[in-house]
PDB file of all heavy atoms in Angstrom:
ATOM      1  N   GLY A   1      84.302  95.845  66.133  1.00  0.00           N
ATOM      2  CA  GLY A   1      84.389  97.241  66.538  1.00  0.00           C
ATOM      3  C   GLY A   1      84.129  97.448  68.011  1.00  0.00           C
ATOM      4  O   GLY A   1      84.832  98.231  68.677  1.00  0.00           O
ATOM      5  N   LEU A   2      83.126  96.768  68.558  1.00  0.00           N
ATOM      6  CA  LEU A   2      82.851  96.896  69.989  1.00  0.00           C
ATOM      7  C   LEU A   2      84.013  96.344  70.810  1.00  0.00           C
ATOM      8  O   LEU A   2      84.403  96.922  71.832  1.00  0.00           O
ATOM      9  CB  LEU A   2      81.547  96.171  70.348  1.00  0.00           C
ATOM     10  CG  LEU A   2      80.270  96.774  69.765  1.00  0.00           C
ATOM     11  CD1 LEU A   2      79.065  95.918  70.149  1.00  0.00           C
ATOM     12  CD2 LEU A   2      80.070  98.214  70.233  1.00  0.00           C
ATOM     13  N   SER A   3      84.578  95.225  70.365  1.00  0.00           N
ATOM     14  CA  SER A   3      85.751  94.680  71.056  1.00  0.00           C
ATOM     15  C   SER A   3      86.909  95.672  71.004  1.00  0.00           C
ATOM     16  O   SER A   3      87.637  95.844  71.986  1.00  0.00           O
ATOM     17  CB  SER A   3      86.183  93.354  70.430  1.00  0.00           C
ATOM     18  OG  SER A   3      85.245  92.337  70.685  1.00  0.00           O
ATOM     19  N   ALA A   4      87.071  96.344  69.854  1.00  0.00           N
ATOM     20  CA  ALA A   4      88.165  97.305  69.709  1.00  0.00           C
ATOM     21  C   ALA A   4      88.008  98.469  70.675  1.00  0.00           C
ATOM     22  O   ALA A   4      88.993  98.923  71.285  1.00  0.00           O
ATOM     23  CB  ALA A   4      88.232  97.811  68.275  1.00  0.00           C
ATOM     24  N   VAL A   5      86.778  98.966  70.827  1.00  0.00           N
ATOM     25  CA  VAL A   5      86.543 100.058  71.774  1.00  0.00           C
ATOM     26  C   VAL A   5      86.877  99.606  73.195  1.00  0.00           C
ATOM     27  O   VAL A   5      87.606 100.293  73.931  1.00  0.00           O
ATOM     28  CB  VAL A   5      85.075 100.540  71.705  1.00  0.00           C
ATOM     29  CG1 VAL A   5      84.780 101.513  72.842  1.00  0.00           C
ATOM     30  CG2 VAL A   5      84.798 101.205  70.362  1.00  0.00           C
ATOM     31  N   ALA A   6      86.344  98.459  73.590  1.00  0.00           N
ATOM     32  CA  ALA A   6      86.557  97.973  74.955  1.00  0.00           C
ATOM     33  C   ALA A   6      88.030  97.705  75.236  1.00  0.00           C
ATOM     34  O   ALA A   6      88.547  98.038  76.312  1.00  0.00           O
ATOM     35  CB  ALA A   6      85.728  96.711  75.187  1.00  0.00           C
ATOM     36  N   ILE A   7      88.723  97.103  74.276  1.00  0.00           N
ATOM     37  CA  ILE A   7      90.134  96.765  74.486  1.00  0.00           C
ATOM     38  C   ILE A   7      90.994  98.021  74.462  1.00  0.00           C
ATOM     39  O   ILE A   7      91.943  98.156  75.255  1.00  0.00           O
ATOM     40  CB  ILE A   7      90.594  95.733  73.440  1.00  0.00           C
ATOM     41  CG1 ILE A   7      89.874  94.395  73.688  1.00  0.00           C
ATOM     42  CG2 ILE A   7      92.106  95.531  73.490  1.00  0.00           C
ATOM     43  CD1 ILE A   7      90.043  93.386  72.573  1.00  0.00           C
ATOM     44  N   ALA A   8      90.677  98.972  73.576  1.00  0.00           N
ATOM     45  CA  ALA A   8      91.428 100.235  73.551  1.00  0.00           C
ATOM     46  C   ALA A   8      91.355 100.937  74.905  1.00  0.00           C
ATOM     47  O   ALA A   8      92.355 101.448  75.414  1.00  0.00           O
ATOM     48  CB  ALA A   8      90.898 101.142  72.444  1.00  0.00           C
ATOM     49  N   LYS A   9      90.158 100.975  75.485  1.00  0.00           N
ATOM     50  CA  LYS A   9      90.014 101.588  76.808  1.00  0.00           C
ATOM     51  C   LYS A   9      90.800 100.794  77.840  1.00  0.00           C
ATOM     52  O   LYS A   9      91.439 101.365  78.739  1.00  0.00           O
ATOM     53  CB  LYS A   9      88.545 101.692  77.195  1.00  0.00           C
ATOM     54  CG  LYS A   9      87.684 102.555  76.273  1.00  0.00           C
ATOM     55  CD  LYS A   9      88.233 103.969  76.116  1.00  0.00           C
ATOM     56  CE  LYS A   9      88.104 104.798  77.391  1.00  0.00           C
ATOM     57  NZ  LYS A   9      88.499 106.217  77.175  1.00  0.00           N
ATOM     58  N   GLY A  10      90.793  99.465  77.711  1.00  0.00           N
ATOM     59  CA  GLY A  10      91.570  98.629  78.630  1.00  0.00           C
ATOM     60  C   GLY A  10      93.060  98.832  78.497  1.00  0.00           C
ATOM     61  O   GLY A  10      93.811  98.632  79.450  1.00  0.00           O
ATOM     62  N   MET A  11      93.497  99.251  77.302  1.00  0.00           N
ATOM     63  CA  MET A  11      94.912  99.526  77.054  1.00  0.00           C
ATOM     64  C   MET A  11      95.297 100.941  77.484  1.00  0.00           C
ATOM     65  O   MET A  11      96.461 101.320  77.378  1.00  0.00           O
ATOM     66  CB  MET A  11      95.228  99.325  75.573  1.00  0.00           C
ATOM     67  CG  MET A  11      95.072  97.889  75.093  1.00  0.00           C
ATOM     68  SD  MET A  11      95.166  97.718  73.282  1.00  0.00           S
ATOM     69  CE  MET A  11      96.919  97.997  72.982  1.00  0.00           C
ATOM     70  N   GLY A  12      94.309 101.717  77.910  1.00  0.00           N
ATOM     71  CA  GLY A  12      94.608 103.043  78.445  1.00  0.00           C
ATOM     72  C   GLY A  12      94.428 104.196  77.482  1.00  0.00           C
ATOM     73  O   GLY A  12      94.866 105.318  77.784  1.00  0.00           O
ATOM     74  N   VAL A  13      93.780 103.962  76.323  1.00  0.00           N
ATOM     75  CA  VAL A  13      93.546 105.067  75.387  1.00  0.00           C
ATOM     76  C   VAL A  13      92.479 105.982  75.985  1.00  0.00           C
ATOM     77  O   VAL A  13      91.374 105.541  76.309  1.00  0.00           O
ATOM     78  CB  VAL A  13      93.105 104.550  74.010  1.00  0.00           C
ATOM     79  CG1 VAL A  13      92.864 105.727  73.060  1.00  0.00           C
ATOM     80  CG2 VAL A  13      94.162 103.617  73.433  1.00  0.00           C
ATOM     81  N   LYS A  14      92.790 107.263  76.096  1.00  0.00           N
ATOM     82  CA  LYS A  14      91.893 108.194  76.781  1.00  0.00           C
ATOM     83  C   LYS A  14      90.692 108.590  75.938  1.00  0.00           C
ATOM     84  O   LYS A  14      89.561 108.683  76.452  1.00  0.00           O
ATOM     85  CB  LYS A  14      92.663 109.455  77.184  1.00  0.00           C
ATOM     86  CG  LYS A  14      91.827 110.426  78.005  1.00  0.00           C
ATOM     87  CD  LYS A  14      92.652 111.637  78.454  1.00  0.00           C
ATOM     88  CE  LYS A  14      91.798 112.611  79.255  1.00  0.00           C
ATOM     89  NZ  LYS A  14      92.573 113.804  79.684  1.00  0.00           N
ATOM     90  N   ASN A  15      90.900 108.831  74.639  1.00  0.00           N
ATOM     91  CA  ASN A  15      89.831 109.373  73.790  1.00  0.00           C
ATOM     92  C   ASN A  15      89.552 108.427  72.629  1.00  0.00           C
ATOM     93  O   ASN A  15      90.364 108.296  71.706  1.00  0.00           O
ATOM     94  CB  ASN A  15      90.227 110.742  73.240  1.00  0.00           C
ATOM     95  CG  ASN A  15      90.546 111.740  74.343  1.00  0.00           C
ATOM     96  OD1 ASN A  15      89.750 111.935  75.258  1.00  0.00           O
ATOM     97  ND2 ASN A  15      91.718 112.357  74.255  1.00  0.00           N
ATOM     98  N   VAL A  16      88.375 107.782  72.663  1.00  0.00           N
ATOM     99  CA  VAL A  16      87.998 106.817  71.629  1.00  0.00           C
ATOM    100  C   VAL A  16      86.649 107.206  71.057  1.00  0.00           C
ATOM    101  O   VAL A  16      85.685 107.424  71.799  1.00  0.00           O
ATOM    102  CB  VAL A  16      87.922 105.381  72.197  1.00  0.00           C
ATOM    103  CG1 VAL A  16      87.467 104.408  71.104  1.00  0.00           C
ATOM    104  CG2 VAL A  16      89.258 104.952  72.769  1.00  0.00           C
ATOM    105  N   ILE A  17      86.565 107.289  69.731  1.00  0.00           N
ATOM    106  CA  ILE A  17      85.303 107.564  69.067  1.00  0.00           C
ATOM    107  C   ILE A  17      84.898 106.353  68.245  1.00  0.00           C
ATOM    108  O   ILE A  17      85.721 105.767  67.537  1.00  0.00           O
ATOM    109  CB  ILE A  17      85.376 108.823  68.169  1.00  0.00           C
ATOM    110  CG1 ILE A  17      84.034 109.059  67.460  1.00  0.00           C
ATOM    111  CG2 ILE A  17      86.523 108.758  67.182  1.00  0.00           C
ATOM    112  CD1 ILE A  17      83.941 110.388  66.747  1.00  0.00           C
ATOM    113  N   SER A  18      83.637 105.960  68.358  1.00  0.00           N
ATOM    114  CA  SER A  18      83.091 104.848  67.582  1.00  0.00           C
ATOM    115  C   SER A  18      82.301 105.410  66.410  1.00  0.00           C
ATOM    116  O   SER A  18      81.479 106.322  66.574  1.00  0.00           O
ATOM    117  CB  SER A  18      82.185 103.986  68.464  1.00  0.00           C
ATOM    118  OG  SER A  18      81.570 102.955  67.709  1.00  0.00           O
ATOM    119  N   VAL A  19      82.537 104.855  65.221  1.00  0.00           N
ATOM    120  CA  VAL A  19      81.913 105.352  63.993  1.00  0.00           C
ATOM    121  C   VAL A  19      81.145 104.220  63.331  1.00  0.00           C
ATOM    122  O   VAL A  19      81.695 103.141  63.076  1.00  0.00           O
ATOM    123  CB  VAL A  19      82.988 105.905  63.028  1.00  0.00           C
ATOM    124  CG1 VAL A  19      82.331 106.462  61.771  1.00  0.00           C
ATOM    125  CG2 VAL A  19      83.841 106.967  63.713  1.00  0.00           C
ATOM    126  N   ASP A  20      79.856 104.466  63.057  1.00  0.00           N
ATOM    127  CA  ASP A  20      79.027 103.436  62.437  1.00  0.00           C
ATOM    128  C   ASP A  20      77.845 104.124  61.754  1.00  0.00           C
ATOM    129  O   ASP A  20      77.750 105.359  61.748  1.00  0.00           O
ATOM    130  CB  ASP A  20      78.544 102.426  63.494  1.00  0.00           C
ATOM    131  CG  ASP A  20      78.130 101.088  62.894  1.00  0.00           C
ATOM    132  OD1 ASP A  20      76.985 100.974  62.417  1.00  0.00           O
ATOM    133  OD2 ASP A  20      78.958 100.152  62.893  1.00  0.00           O
ATOM    134  N   ILE A  21      76.931 103.319  61.189  1.00  0.00           N
ATOM    135  CA  ILE A  21      75.727 103.869  60.557  1.00  0.00           C
ATOM    136  C   ILE A  21      74.470 103.394  61.277  1.00  0.00           C
ATOM    137  O   ILE A  21      73.358 103.597  60.786  1.00  0.00           O
ATOM    138  CB  ILE A  21      75.648 103.483  59.064  1.00  0.00           C
ATOM    139  CG1 ILE A  21      75.669 101.965  58.880  1.00  0.00           C
ATOM    140  CG2 ILE A  21      76.796 104.128  58.289  1.00  0.00           C
ATOM    141  CD1 ILE A  21      75.424 101.513  57.444  1.00  0.00           C
ATOM    142  N   ASP A  22      74.639 102.760  62.449  1.00  0.00           N
ATOM    143  CA  ASP A  22      73.526 102.179  63.194  1.00  0.00           C
ATOM    144  C   ASP A  22      73.530 102.741  64.615  1.00  0.00           C
ATOM    145  O   ASP A  22      74.468 102.495  65.381  1.00  0.00           O
ATOM    146  CB  ASP A  22      73.672 100.652  63.211  1.00  0.00           C
ATOM    147  CG  ASP A  22      72.486  99.940  63.831  1.00  0.00           C
ATOM    148  OD1 ASP A  22      72.019 100.387  64.900  1.00  0.00           O
ATOM    149  OD2 ASP A  22      72.039  98.921  63.279  1.00  0.00           O
ATOM    150  N   ASP A  23      72.489 103.501  64.968  1.00  0.00           N
ATOM    151  CA  ASP A  23      72.443 104.140  66.282  1.00  0.00           C
ATOM    152  C   ASP A  23      72.419 103.127  67.424  1.00  0.00           C
ATOM    153  O   ASP A  23      72.988 103.370  68.495  1.00  0.00           O
ATOM    154  CB  ASP A  23      71.217 105.053  66.396  1.00  0.00           C
ATOM    155  CG  ASP A  23      71.399 106.364  65.630  1.00  0.00           C
ATOM    156  OD1 ASP A  23      72.560 106.760  65.410  1.00  0.00           O
ATOM    157  OD2 ASP A  23      70.384 106.980  65.261  1.00  0.00           O
ATOM    158  N   GLU A  24      71.758 101.990  67.213  1.00  0.00           N
ATOM    159  CA  GLU A  24      71.704 100.976  68.272  1.00  0.00           C
ATOM    160  C   GLU A  24      73.095 100.443  68.579  1.00  0.00           C
ATOM    161  O   GLU A  24      73.470 100.264  69.744  1.00  0.00           O
ATOM    162  CB  GLU A  24      70.784  99.828  67.854  1.00  0.00           C
ATOM    163  CG  GLU A  24      70.662  98.730  68.911  1.00  0.00           C
ATOM    164  CD  GLU A  24      69.780  97.571  68.478  1.00  0.00           C
ATOM    165  OE1 GLU A  24      69.075  97.698  67.454  1.00  0.00           O
ATOM    166  OE2 GLU A  24      69.789  96.536  69.168  1.00  0.00           O
ATOM    167  N   LYS A  25      73.875 100.210  67.550  1.00  0.00           N
ATOM    168  CA  LYS A  25      75.233  99.709  67.748  1.00  0.00           C
ATOM    169  C   LYS A  25      76.132 100.793  68.356  1.00  0.00           C
ATOM    170  O   LYS A  25      77.027 100.484  69.153  1.00  0.00           O
ATOM    171  CB  LYS A  25      75.791  99.176  66.436  1.00  0.00           C
ATOM    172  CG  LYS A  25      75.049  97.927  65.963  1.00  0.00           C
ATOM    173  CD  LYS A  25      75.559  97.422  64.627  1.00  0.00           C
ATOM    174  CE  LYS A  25      74.787  96.168  64.219  1.00  0.00           C
ATOM    175  NZ  LYS A  25      75.217  95.637  62.908  1.00  0.00           N
ATOM    176  N   LEU A  26      75.880 102.031  68.003  1.00  0.00           N
ATOM    177  CA  LEU A  26      76.653 103.118  68.602  1.00  0.00           C
ATOM    178  C   LEU A  26      76.335 103.274  70.081  1.00  0.00           C
ATOM    179  O   LEU A  26      77.217 103.603  70.889  1.00  0.00           O
ATOM    180  CB  LEU A  26      76.386 104.426  67.850  1.00  0.00           C
ATOM    181  CG  LEU A  26      76.968 104.492  66.431  1.00  0.00           C
ATOM    182  CD1 LEU A  26      76.479 105.733  65.707  1.00  0.00           C
ATOM    183  CD2 LEU A  26      78.502 104.471  66.478  1.00  0.00           C
ATOM    184  N   GLU A  27      75.093 103.016  70.477  1.00  0.00           N
ATOM    185  CA  GLU A  27      74.747 103.016  71.899  1.00  0.00           C
ATOM    186  C   GLU A  27      75.493 101.909  72.621  1.00  0.00           C
ATOM    187  O   GLU A  27      75.960 102.092  73.753  1.00  0.00           O
ATOM    188  CB  GLU A  27      73.235 102.845  72.083  1.00  0.00           C
ATOM    189  CG  GLU A  27      72.435 104.108  71.843  1.00  0.00           C
ATOM    190  CD  GLU A  27      72.821 105.231  72.801  1.00  0.00           C
ATOM    191  OE1 GLU A  27      72.948 104.969  74.012  1.00  0.00           O
ATOM    192  OE2 GLU A  27      73.009 106.372  72.325  1.00  0.00           O
ATOM    193  N   ALA A  28      75.614 100.757  71.970  1.00  0.00           N
ATOM    194  CA  ALA A  28      76.387  99.656  72.556  1.00  0.00           C
ATOM    195  C   ALA A  28      77.849 100.056  72.716  1.00  0.00           C
ATOM    196  O   ALA A  28      78.507  99.683  73.703  1.00  0.00           O
ATOM    197  CB  ALA A  28      76.265  98.405  71.693  1.00  0.00           C
ATOM    198  N   ALA A  29      78.359 100.823  71.761  1.00  0.00           N
ATOM    199  CA  ALA A  29      79.751 101.289  71.849  1.00  0.00           C
ATOM    200  C   ALA A  29      79.950 102.207  73.049  1.00  0.00           C
ATOM    201  O   ALA A  29      80.971 102.136  73.744  1.00  0.00           O
ATOM    202  CB  ALA A  29      80.151 102.004  70.564  1.00  0.00           C
ATOM    203  N   LYS A  30      78.967 103.067  73.305  1.00  0.00           N
ATOM    204  CA  LYS A  30      79.049 103.907  74.505  1.00  0.00           C
ATOM    205  C   LYS A  30      79.108 103.038  75.750  1.00  0.00           C
ATOM    206  O   LYS A  30      79.826 103.337  76.717  1.00  0.00           O
ATOM    207  CB  LYS A  30      77.834 104.831  74.582  1.00  0.00           C
ATOM    208  CG  LYS A  30      77.783 105.932  73.544  1.00  0.00           C
ATOM    209  CD  LYS A  30      76.516 106.766  73.739  1.00  0.00           C
ATOM    210  CE  LYS A  30      76.330 107.816  72.675  1.00  0.00           C
ATOM    211  NZ  LYS A  30      75.063 108.572  72.857  1.00  0.00           N
TER     212      LYS A  30
END
């Protein structure tokens, strides 16, 4: 999931939301 967020932004996707059940991992997604 973290790779997907980073790569999506690298591909130029403007709006990406990360969805999980762990706040620590969601902070990593930010």
